[in-house]
């Protein structure tokens, strides 16, 4: 039972992080990061659309991982 609860927590974590990384780089809060005020290199890097796309790609990867884990749920908890 504990393994199933931990599995559900892991899947929810993957989905939550995936949605966050997919959406957050395109929000206004991303542009208002306090690190952007202190480093011109970080400003150029973090505001680059290719970097934002890479972060969103990590979000998609997390969503796929969560969906894959749900699809293979039975494999982990087969009764021997």
PDB file of N, CA and C in Angstrom:
ATOM      1  N   UNK A   1       0.831  -1.200   0.000  1.00  0.00           N
ATOM      2  CA  UNK A   1       0.000   0.000   0.000  1.00  0.00           C
ATOM      3  C   UNK A   1       0.867   1.251   0.000  1.00  0.00           C
ATOM      4  N   UNK A   2       1.935   1.237   0.775  1.00  0.00           N
ATOM      5  CA  UNK A   2       2.817   2.402   0.834  1.00  0.00           C
ATOM      6  C   UNK A   2       3.460   2.647  -0.524  1.00  0.00           C
ATOM      7  N   UNK A   3       3.817   1.560  -1.222  1.00  0.00           N
ATOM      8  CA  UNK A   3       4.423   1.706  -2.545  1.00  0.00           C
ATOM      9  C   UNK A   3       3.463   2.372  -3.523  1.00  0.00           C
ATOM     10  N   UNK A   4       2.190   2.035  -3.429  1.00  0.00           N
ATOM     11  CA  UNK A   4       1.206   2.648  -4.328  1.00  0.00           C
ATOM     12  C   UNK A   4       1.026   4.129  -4.021  1.00  0.00           C
ATOM     13  N   UNK A   5       1.029   4.485  -2.768  1.00  0.00           N
ATOM     14  CA  UNK A   5       0.903   5.903  -2.391  1.00  0.00           C
ATOM     15  C   UNK A   5       2.125   6.677  -2.880  1.00  0.00           C
ATOM     16  N   UNK A   6       3.306   6.108  -2.698  1.00  0.00           N
ATOM     17  CA  UNK A   6       4.520   6.772  -3.178  1.00  0.00           C
ATOM     18  C   UNK A   6       4.527   6.886  -4.705  1.00  0.00           C
ATOM     19  N   UNK A   7       3.999   5.878  -5.372  1.00  0.00           N
ATOM     20  CA  UNK A   7       3.895   5.924  -6.825  1.00  0.00           C
ATOM     21  C   UNK A   7       2.980   7.061  -7.271  1.00  0.00           C
ATOM     22  N   UNK A   8       1.839   7.189  -6.619  1.00  0.00           N
ATOM     23  CA  UNK A   8       0.895   8.260  -6.960  1.00  0.00           C
ATOM     24  C   UNK A   8       1.521   9.624  -6.695  1.00  0.00           C
ATOM     25  N   UNK A   9       2.233   9.757  -5.594  1.00  0.00           N
ATOM     26  CA  UNK A   9       2.909  11.028  -5.292  1.00  0.00           C
ATOM     27  C   UNK A   9       3.945  11.334  -6.363  1.00  0.00           C
ATOM     28  N   UNK A  10       4.699  10.321  -6.782  1.00  0.00           N
ATOM     29  CA  UNK A  10       5.710  10.517  -7.824  1.00  0.00           C
ATOM     30  C   UNK A  10       5.076  10.952  -9.144  1.00  0.00           C
ATOM     31  N   UNK A  11       3.987  10.298  -9.533  1.00  0.00           N
ATOM     32  CA  UNK A  11       3.311  10.655 -10.783  1.00  0.00           C
ATOM     33  C   UNK A  11       2.750  12.070 -10.703  1.00  0.00           C
ATOM     34  N   UNK A  12       2.142  12.417  -9.581  1.00  0.00           N
ATOM     35  CA  UNK A  12       1.612  13.781  -9.423  1.00  0.00           C
ATOM     36  C   UNK A  12       2.737  14.810  -9.460  1.00  0.00           C
ATOM     37  N   UNK A  13       3.880  14.470  -8.866  1.00  0.00           N
ATOM     38  CA  UNK A  13       5.039  15.364  -8.906  1.00  0.00           C
ATOM     39  C   UNK A  13       5.503  15.571 -10.349  1.00  0.00           C
ATOM     40  N   UNK A  14       5.608  14.499 -11.108  1.00  0.00           N
ATOM     41  CA  UNK A  14       6.024  14.612 -12.512  1.00  0.00           C
ATOM     42  C   UNK A  14       5.059  15.487 -13.299  1.00  0.00           C
ATOM     43  N   UNK A  15       3.774  15.285 -13.090  1.00  0.00           N
ATOM     44  CA  UNK A  15       2.782  16.073 -13.822  1.00  0.00           C
ATOM     45  C   UNK A  15       2.809  17.540 -13.403  1.00  0.00           C
ATOM     46  N   UNK A  16       2.948  17.789 -12.107  1.00  0.00           N
ATOM     47  CA  UNK A  16       2.979  19.170 -11.626  1.00  0.00           C
ATOM     48  C   UNK A  16       4.210  19.914 -12.140  1.00  0.00           C
ATOM     49  N   UNK A  17       5.361  19.284 -12.037  1.00  0.00           N
ATOM     50  CA  UNK A  17       6.588  19.923 -12.528  1.00  0.00           C
ATOM     51  C   UNK A  17       6.505  20.114 -14.032  1.00  0.00           C
ATOM     52  N   UNK A  18       5.946  19.140 -14.733  1.00  0.00           N
ATOM     53  CA  UNK A  18       5.809  19.256 -16.181  1.00  0.00           C
ATOM     54  C   UNK A  18       4.939  20.424 -16.592  1.00  0.00           C
ATOM     55  N   UNK A  19       3.800  20.577 -15.941  1.00  0.00           N
ATOM     56  CA  UNK A  19       2.911  21.696 -16.269  1.00  0.00           C
ATOM     57  C   UNK A  19       3.576  23.024 -15.925  1.00  0.00           C
ATOM     58  N   UNK A  20       4.248  23.072 -14.773  1.00  0.00           N
ATOM     59  CA  UNK A  20       4.920  24.303 -14.366  1.00  0.00           C
ATOM     60  C   UNK A  20       5.999  24.697 -15.381  1.00  0.00           C
ATOM     61  N   UNK A  21       6.854  23.742 -15.751  1.00  0.00           N
ATOM     62  CA  UNK A  21       7.937  24.062 -16.683  1.00  0.00           C
ATOM     63  C   UNK A  21       7.423  24.351 -18.084  1.00  0.00           C
ATOM     64  N   UNK A  22       6.288  23.809 -18.424  1.00  0.00           N
ATOM     65  CA  UNK A  22       5.714  24.073 -19.740  1.00  0.00           C
ATOM     66  C   UNK A  22       5.143  25.484 -19.823  1.00  0.00           C
ATOM     67  N   UNK A  23       4.523  25.947 -18.753  1.00  0.00           N
ATOM     68  CA  UNK A  23       3.780  27.215 -18.790  1.00  0.00           C
ATOM     69  C   UNK A  23       4.594  28.403 -18.276  1.00  0.00           C
ATOM     70  N   UNK A  24       5.340  28.221 -17.202  1.00  0.00           N
ATOM     71  CA  UNK A  24       5.968  29.343 -16.511  1.00  0.00           C
ATOM     72  C   UNK A  24       6.929  30.183 -17.367  1.00  0.00           C
ATOM     73  N   UNK A  25       7.746  29.599 -18.232  1.00  0.00           N
ATOM     74  CA  UNK A  25       8.662  30.452 -19.007  1.00  0.00           C
ATOM     75  C   UNK A  25       7.963  31.465 -19.904  1.00  0.00           C
ATOM     76  N   UNK A  26       6.698  31.274 -20.193  1.00  0.00           N
ATOM     77  CA  UNK A  26       5.979  32.168 -21.084  1.00  0.00           C
ATOM     78  C   UNK A  26       5.090  33.156 -20.331  1.00  0.00           C
ATOM     79  N   UNK A  27       5.181  33.138 -19.016  1.00  0.00           N
ATOM     80  CA  UNK A  27       4.384  34.062 -18.211  1.00  0.00           C
ATOM     81  C   UNK A  27       5.171  35.344 -17.936  1.00  0.00           C
ATOM     82  N   UNK A  28       4.459  36.348 -17.505  1.00  0.00           N
ATOM     83  CA  UNK A  28       5.069  37.640 -17.206  1.00  0.00           C
ATOM     84  C   UNK A  28       6.020  37.557 -16.006  1.00  0.00           C
ATOM     85  N   UNK A  29       5.740  36.657 -15.064  1.00  0.00           N
ATOM     86  CA  UNK A  29       6.603  36.509 -13.893  1.00  0.00           C
ATOM     87  C   UNK A  29       8.025  36.102 -14.282  1.00  0.00           C
ATOM     88  N   UNK A  30       8.167  35.350 -15.363  1.00  0.00           N
ATOM     89  CA  UNK A  30       9.499  34.946 -15.840  1.00  0.00           C
ATOM     90  C   UNK A  30      10.318  36.187 -16.197  1.00  0.00           C
ATOM     91  N   UNK A  31       9.668  37.190 -16.767  1.00  0.00           N
ATOM     92  CA  UNK A  31      10.358  38.428 -17.154  1.00  0.00           C
ATOM     93  C   UNK A  31      10.696  39.300 -15.957  1.00  0.00           C
ATOM     94  N   UNK A  32      10.017  39.111 -14.838  1.00  0.00           N
ATOM     95  CA  UNK A  32      10.218  39.946 -13.664  1.00  0.00           C
ATOM     96  C   UNK A  32      11.131  39.289 -12.630  1.00  0.00           C
ATOM     97  N   UNK A  33      11.994  38.397 -13.059  1.00  0.00           N
ATOM     98  CA  UNK A  33      12.929  37.704 -12.181  1.00  0.00           C
ATOM     99  C   UNK A  33      13.957  38.701 -11.643  1.00  0.00           C
ATOM    100  N   UNK A  34      14.241  38.666 -10.343  1.00  0.00           N
ATOM    101  CA  UNK A  34      15.165  39.632  -9.760  1.00  0.00           C
ATOM    102  C   UNK A  34      16.596  39.398 -10.219  1.00  0.00           C
ATOM    103  N   UNK A  35      16.927  38.199 -10.666  1.00  0.00           N
ATOM    104  CA  UNK A  35      18.283  37.925 -11.162  1.00  0.00           C
ATOM    105  C   UNK A  35      18.583  38.693 -12.450  1.00  0.00           C
ATOM    106  N   UNK A  36      17.536  39.035 -13.176  1.00  0.00           N
ATOM    107  CA  UNK A  36      17.731  39.754 -14.432  1.00  0.00           C
ATOM    108  C   UNK A  36      18.274  41.167 -14.209  1.00  0.00           C
ATOM    109  N   UNK A  37      18.067  41.714 -13.039  1.00  0.00           N
ATOM    110  CA  UNK A  37      18.539  43.059 -12.742  1.00  0.00           C
ATOM    111  C   UNK A  37      20.042  43.099 -12.494  1.00  0.00           C
ATOM    112  N   UNK A  38      20.620  41.989 -12.058  1.00  0.00           N
ATOM    113  CA  UNK A  38      22.004  41.988 -11.624  1.00  0.00           C
ATOM    114  C   UNK A  38      22.984  41.442 -12.649  1.00  0.00           C
ATOM    115  N   UNK A  39      22.514  40.683 -13.600  1.00  0.00           N
ATOM    116  CA  UNK A  39      23.421  40.061 -14.556  1.00  0.00           C
ATOM    117  C   UNK A  39      22.880  40.238 -15.972  1.00  0.00           C
ATOM    118  N   UNK A  40      23.658  40.897 -16.804  1.00  0.00           N
ATOM    119  CA  UNK A  40      23.226  41.072 -18.186  1.00  0.00           C
ATOM    120  C   UNK A  40      23.284  39.740 -18.941  1.00  0.00           C
ATOM    121  N   UNK A  41      24.241  38.864 -18.564  1.00  0.00           N
ATOM    122  CA  UNK A  41      24.319  37.557 -19.210  1.00  0.00           C
ATOM    123  C   UNK A  41      23.057  36.741 -18.925  1.00  0.00           C
ATOM    124  N   UNK A  42      22.618  36.730 -17.672  1.00  0.00           N
ATOM    125  CA  UNK A  42      21.390  36.003 -17.339  1.00  0.00           C
ATOM    126  C   UNK A  42      20.175  36.612 -18.018  1.00  0.00           C
ATOM    127  N   UNK A  43      20.165  37.931 -18.158  1.00  0.00           N
ATOM    128  CA  UNK A  43      19.053  38.593 -18.840  1.00  0.00           C
ATOM    129  C   UNK A  43      18.950  38.107 -20.279  1.00  0.00           C
ATOM    130  N   UNK A  44      20.089  38.085 -20.968  1.00  0.00           N
ATOM    131  CA  UNK A  44      20.093  37.643 -22.361  1.00  0.00           C
ATOM    132  C   UNK A  44      19.695  36.172 -22.446  1.00  0.00           C
ATOM    133  N   UNK A  45      20.223  35.356 -21.540  1.00  0.00           N
ATOM    134  CA  UNK A  45      19.951  33.919 -21.578  1.00  0.00           C
ATOM    135  C   UNK A  45      18.493  33.608 -21.246  1.00  0.00           C
ATOM    136  N   UNK A  46      18.009  34.128 -20.134  1.00  0.00           N
ATOM    137  CA  UNK A  46      16.672  33.764 -19.670  1.00  0.00           C
ATOM    138  C   UNK A  46      15.550  34.346 -20.518  1.00  0.00           C
ATOM    139  N   UNK A  47      15.808  35.438 -21.187  1.00  0.00           N
ATOM    140  CA  UNK A  47      14.771  36.038 -22.018  1.00  0.00           C
ATOM    141  C   UNK A  47      14.820  35.565 -23.468  1.00  0.00           C
ATOM    142  N   UNK A  48      15.772  34.687 -23.773  1.00  0.00           N
ATOM    143  CA  UNK A  48      15.885  34.135 -25.110  1.00  0.00           C
ATOM    144  C   UNK A  48      14.761  33.114 -25.334  1.00  0.00           C
ATOM    145  N   UNK A  49      14.089  33.216 -26.471  1.00  0.00           N
ATOM    146  CA  UNK A  49      12.976  32.313 -26.755  1.00  0.00           C
ATOM    147  C   UNK A  49      13.427  30.866 -26.888  1.00  0.00           C
ATOM    148  N   UNK A  50      14.641  30.642 -27.368  1.00  0.00           N
ATOM    149  CA  UNK A  50      15.141  29.276 -27.478  1.00  0.00           C
ATOM    150  C   UNK A  50      15.342  28.655 -26.096  1.00  0.00           C
ATOM    151  N   UNK A  51      15.817  29.435 -25.132  1.00  0.00           N
ATOM    152  CA  UNK A  51      15.990  28.935 -23.764  1.00  0.00           C
ATOM    153  C   UNK A  51      14.636  28.631 -23.142  1.00  0.00           C
ATOM    154  N   UNK A  52      13.688  29.525 -23.356  1.00  0.00           N
ATOM    155  CA  UNK A  52      12.333  29.285 -22.843  1.00  0.00           C
ATOM    156  C   UNK A  52      11.741  28.022 -23.449  1.00  0.00           C
ATOM    157  N   UNK A  53      11.995  27.820 -24.727  1.00  0.00           N
ATOM    158  CA  UNK A  53      11.517  26.607 -25.389  1.00  0.00           C
ATOM    159  C   UNK A  53      12.175  25.363 -24.825  1.00  0.00           C
ATOM    160  N   UNK A  54      13.458  25.461 -24.484  1.00  0.00           N
ATOM    161  CA  UNK A  54      14.152  24.315 -23.887  1.00  0.00           C
ATOM    162  C   UNK A  54      13.568  23.977 -22.517  1.00  0.00           C
ATOM    163  N   UNK A  55      13.268  24.988 -21.731  1.00  0.00           N
ATOM    164  CA  UNK A  55      12.649  24.752 -20.423  1.00  0.00           C
ATOM    165  C   UNK A  55      11.260  24.138 -20.610  1.00  0.00           C
ATOM    166  N   UNK A  56      10.514  24.626 -21.583  1.00  0.00           N
ATOM    167  CA  UNK A  56       9.202  24.040 -21.868  1.00  0.00           C
ATOM    168  C   UNK A  56       9.348  22.604 -22.364  1.00  0.00           C
ATOM    169  N   UNK A  57      10.410  22.335 -23.102  1.00  0.00           N
ATOM    170  CA  UNK A  57      10.677  20.967 -23.544  1.00  0.00           C
ATOM    171  C   UNK A  57      10.919  20.026 -22.375  1.00  0.00           C
ATOM    172  N   UNK A  58      11.599  20.511 -21.340  1.00  0.00           N
ATOM    173  CA  UNK A  58      11.769  19.709 -20.130  1.00  0.00           C
ATOM    174  C   UNK A  58      10.418  19.440 -19.473  1.00  0.00           C
ATOM    175  N   UNK A  59       9.543  20.436 -19.535  1.00  0.00           N
ATOM    176  CA  UNK A  59       8.194  20.232 -19.004  1.00  0.00           C
ATOM    177  C   UNK A  59       7.439  19.163 -19.769  1.00  0.00           C
ATOM    178  N   UNK A  60       7.567  19.177 -21.085  1.00  0.00           N
ATOM    179  CA  UNK A  60       6.917  18.148 -21.899  1.00  0.00           C
ATOM    180  C   UNK A  60       7.499  16.775 -21.573  1.00  0.00           C
ATOM    181  N   UNK A  61       8.817  16.723 -21.381  1.00  0.00           N
ATOM    182  CA  UNK A  61       9.452  15.448 -21.019  1.00  0.00           C
ATOM    183  C   UNK A  61       8.914  14.926 -19.687  1.00  0.00           C
ATOM    184  N   UNK A  62       8.710  15.806 -18.720  1.00  0.00           N
ATOM    185  CA  UNK A  62       8.140  15.392 -17.428  1.00  0.00           C
ATOM    186  C   UNK A  62       6.699  14.913 -17.585  1.00  0.00           C
ATOM    187  N   UNK A  63       5.934  15.573 -18.425  1.00  0.00           N
ATOM    188  CA  UNK A  63       4.555  15.135 -18.656  1.00  0.00           C
ATOM    189  C   UNK A  63       4.532  13.760 -19.315  1.00  0.00           C
ATOM    190  N   UNK A  64       5.418  13.545 -20.273  1.00  0.00           N
ATOM    191  CA  UNK A  64       5.493  12.244 -20.938  1.00  0.00           C
ATOM    192  C   UNK A  64       5.913  11.171 -19.942  1.00  0.00           C
ATOM    193  N   UNK A  65       6.873  11.493 -19.084  1.00  0.00           N
ATOM    194  CA  UNK A  65       7.316  10.541 -18.066  1.00  0.00           C
ATOM    195  C   UNK A  65       6.173  10.170 -17.129  1.00  0.00           C
ATOM    196  N   UNK A  66       5.417  11.159 -16.684  1.00  0.00           N
ATOM    197  CA  UNK A  66       4.277  10.876 -15.814  1.00  0.00           C
ATOM    198  C   UNK A  66       3.225  10.021 -16.501  1.00  0.00           C
ATOM    199  N   UNK A  67       2.950  10.325 -17.764  1.00  0.00           N
ATOM    200  CA  UNK A  67       1.967   9.537 -18.518  1.00  0.00           C
ATOM    201  C   UNK A  67       2.483   8.115 -18.749  1.00  0.00           C
ATOM    202  N   UNK A  68       3.769   7.958 -19.012  1.00  0.00           N
ATOM    203  CA  UNK A  68       4.342   6.632 -19.210  1.00  0.00           C
ATOM    204  C   UNK A  68       4.256   5.807 -17.932  1.00  0.00           C
ATOM    205  N   UNK A  69       4.532   6.443 -16.816  1.00  0.00           N
ATOM    206  CA  UNK A  69       4.442   5.731 -15.536  1.00  0.00           C
ATOM    207  C   UNK A  69       3.009   5.284 -15.254  1.00  0.00           C
ATOM    208  N   UNK A  70       2.044   6.122 -15.569  1.00  0.00           N
ATOM    209  CA  UNK A  70       0.644   5.738 -15.361  1.00  0.00           C
ATOM    210  C   UNK A  70       0.271   4.590 -16.293  1.00  0.00           C
ATOM    211  N   UNK A  71       0.746   4.641 -17.541  1.00  0.00           N
ATOM    212  CA  UNK A  71       0.428   3.587 -18.497  1.00  0.00           C
ATOM    213  C   UNK A  71       1.029   2.249 -18.086  1.00  0.00           C
ATOM    214  N   UNK A  72       2.141   2.270 -17.384  1.00  0.00           N
ATOM    215  CA  UNK A  72       2.812   1.039 -16.968  1.00  0.00           C
ATOM    216  C   UNK A  72       2.627   0.760 -15.467  1.00  0.00           C
ATOM    217  N   UNK A  73       1.555   1.259 -14.921  1.00  0.00           N
ATOM    218  CA  UNK A  73       1.260   1.107 -13.500  1.00  0.00           C
ATOM    219  C   UNK A  73       1.172  -0.366 -13.095  1.00  0.00           C
ATOM    220  N   UNK A  74       0.506  -1.158 -13.890  1.00  0.00           N
ATOM    221  CA  UNK A  74       0.288  -2.565 -13.549  1.00  0.00           C
ATOM    222  C   UNK A  74       1.590  -3.351 -13.481  1.00  0.00           C
ATOM    223  N   UNK A  75       2.561  -2.977 -14.284  1.00  0.00           N
ATOM    224  CA  UNK A  75       3.830  -3.696 -14.306  1.00  0.00           C
ATOM    225  C   UNK A  75       4.539  -3.625 -12.954  1.00  0.00           C
ATOM    226  N   UNK A  76       4.407  -2.508 -12.251  1.00  0.00           N
ATOM    227  CA  UNK A  76       5.108  -2.323 -10.983  1.00  0.00           C
ATOM    228  C   UNK A  76       4.451  -3.083  -9.824  1.00  0.00           C
ATOM    229  N   UNK A  77       3.160  -3.285  -9.923  1.00  0.00           N
ATOM    230  CA  UNK A  77       2.425  -3.818  -8.784  1.00  0.00           C
ATOM    231  C   UNK A  77       1.744  -5.153  -9.076  1.00  0.00           C
ATOM    232  N   UNK A  78       2.341  -5.965  -9.919  1.00  0.00           N
ATOM    233  CA  UNK A  78       1.805  -7.301 -10.177  1.00  0.00           C
ATOM    234  C   UNK A  78       1.958  -8.165  -8.945  1.00  0.00           C
ATOM    235  N   UNK A  79       0.967  -8.967  -8.714  1.00  0.00           N
ATOM    236  CA  UNK A  79       1.056  -9.916  -7.595  1.00  0.00           C
ATOM    237  C   UNK A  79       1.808 -11.146  -8.084  1.00  0.00           C
ATOM    238  N   UNK A  80       2.806 -11.521  -7.333  1.00  0.00           N
ATOM    239  CA  UNK A  80       3.636 -12.678  -7.734  1.00  0.00           C
ATOM    240  C   UNK A  80       2.978 -13.993  -7.429  1.00  0.00           C
TER     241      UNK A  80
END
